[in-house]
Amino acid sequence: MPNIKPMSDLRNYTAVVKEVSYGNRVYLTRNGHGTCAIIDMQELDELDKQKELNQLLLKLKEAEKSALTEGTISADELEKELGV
């Protein structure tokens, strides 16, 4: 069950932060609407890595689609094109 607290609970910041752990975020609300979350740093790092991996996979899929539709060139042709 999500740990949801009003923003006013941050007056006792230490007590709120103690409730945060890996996989246990604290969601803060203002006037009954979610505004932000407090998350464990290790979990945040893993989420960032996962986001980067997803972006890389998306680019690889785009490249694969491009190679299938536009074709590829040989290494010799690439060297000529680059003037190497």
Protein backbone atom coordinates (compact mmCIF):
# COMPACT_ATOMS: atom_id res chain seq x y z
CA MET A 1 0.00 0.00 0.00
CA PRO A 2 1.44 3.40 -0.93
CA ASN A 3 2.74 5.61 1.83
CA ILE A 4 0.91 8.91 1.21
CA LYS A 5 1.38 11.90 3.46
CA PRO A 6 0.38 15.55 3.35
CA MET A 7 3.16 18.03 2.64
CA SER A 8 2.63 19.47 6.12
CA ASP A 9 4.14 16.27 7.60
CA LEU A 10 7.51 17.55 6.41
CA ARG A 11 7.57 19.78 9.47
CA ASN A 12 8.88 16.62 11.09
CA TYR A 13 11.22 15.82 8.21
CA THR A 14 13.25 13.23 10.12
CA ALA A 15 10.21 11.07 10.87
CA VAL A 16 9.12 11.13 7.22
CA VAL A 17 12.60 10.29 5.90
CA LYS A 18 12.86 7.33 8.29
CA GLU A 19 9.88 5.80 6.49
CA VAL A 20 11.72 5.84 3.15
CA SER A 21 13.58 2.69 2.13
CA TYR A 22 14.30 0.73 -1.01
CA GLY A 23 10.92 -0.04 -2.59
CA ASN A 24 9.06 2.06 -0.02
CA ARG A 25 8.56 5.57 -1.34
CA VAL A 26 6.75 8.34 0.48
CA TYR A 27 4.32 10.28 -1.71
CA LEU A 28 3.57 13.85 -0.65
CA THR A 29 0.33 15.66 -1.35
CA ARG A 30 -0.75 19.27 -1.30
CA ASN A 31 -4.46 19.99 -1.04
CA GLY A 32 -5.17 16.31 -1.63
CA HIS A 33 -3.21 16.11 -4.91
CA GLY A 34 0.10 14.34 -5.36
CA THR A 35 3.02 16.73 -5.75
CA CYS A 36 6.23 14.75 -5.24
CA ALA A 37 7.79 11.62 -3.83
CA ILE A 38 10.74 10.82 -1.61
CA ILE A 39 12.64 7.80 -2.89
CA ASP A 40 15.69 5.81 -1.79
CA MET A 41 18.86 6.87 -3.66
CA GLN A 42 19.77 3.32 -4.68
CA GLU A 43 16.30 2.84 -6.16
CA LEU A 44 16.57 6.18 -7.98
CA ASP A 45 19.94 5.18 -9.46
CA GLU A 46 18.47 1.89 -10.67
CA LEU A 47 15.49 3.69 -12.20
CA ASP A 48 17.86 6.08 -14.00
CA LYS A 49 19.87 3.14 -15.36
CA GLN A 50 16.68 1.43 -16.50
CA LYS A 51 15.55 4.60 -18.25
CA GLU A 52 18.90 4.90 -20.06
CA LEU A 53 18.73 1.22 -21.06
CA ASN A 54 15.22 1.69 -22.45
CA GLN A 55 16.38 4.72 -24.46
CA LEU A 56 19.31 2.72 -25.83
CA LEU A 57 17.04 -0.17 -26.81
CA LEU A 58 14.70 2.26 -28.57
CA LYS A 59 17.62 3.71 -30.56
CA LEU A 60 18.82 0.20 -31.44
CA LYS A 61 15.34 -0.70 -32.71
CA GLU A 62 15.28 2.49 -34.79
CA ALA A 63 18.71 1.62 -36.21
CA GLU A 64 17.61 -1.93 -37.00
CA LYS A 65 14.50 -0.65 -38.77
CA SER A 66 16.62 1.85 -40.72
CA ALA A 67 19.06 -0.88 -41.75
CA LEU A 68 16.21 -3.05 -42.97
CA THR A 69 14.47 -0.29 -44.94
CA GLU A 70 17.47 1.72 -46.19
CA GLY A 71 20.07 -1.03 -46.35
CA THR A 72 23.67 -1.00 -45.23
CA ILE A 73 27.05 -0.23 -46.77
CA SER A 74 30.32 -2.17 -46.56
CA ALA A 75 33.28 -1.09 -44.46
CA ASP A 76 35.19 -0.13 -47.61
CA GLU A 77 32.34 2.08 -48.80
CA LEU A 78 32.18 3.73 -45.37
CA GLU A 79 35.91 4.45 -45.41
CA LYS A 80 35.59 6.01 -48.87
CA GLU A 81 32.64 8.11 -47.72
CA LEU A 82 34.54 9.30 -44.67
CA GLY A 83 37.74 9.85 -46.63
CA VAL A 84 39.82 7.53 -44.49
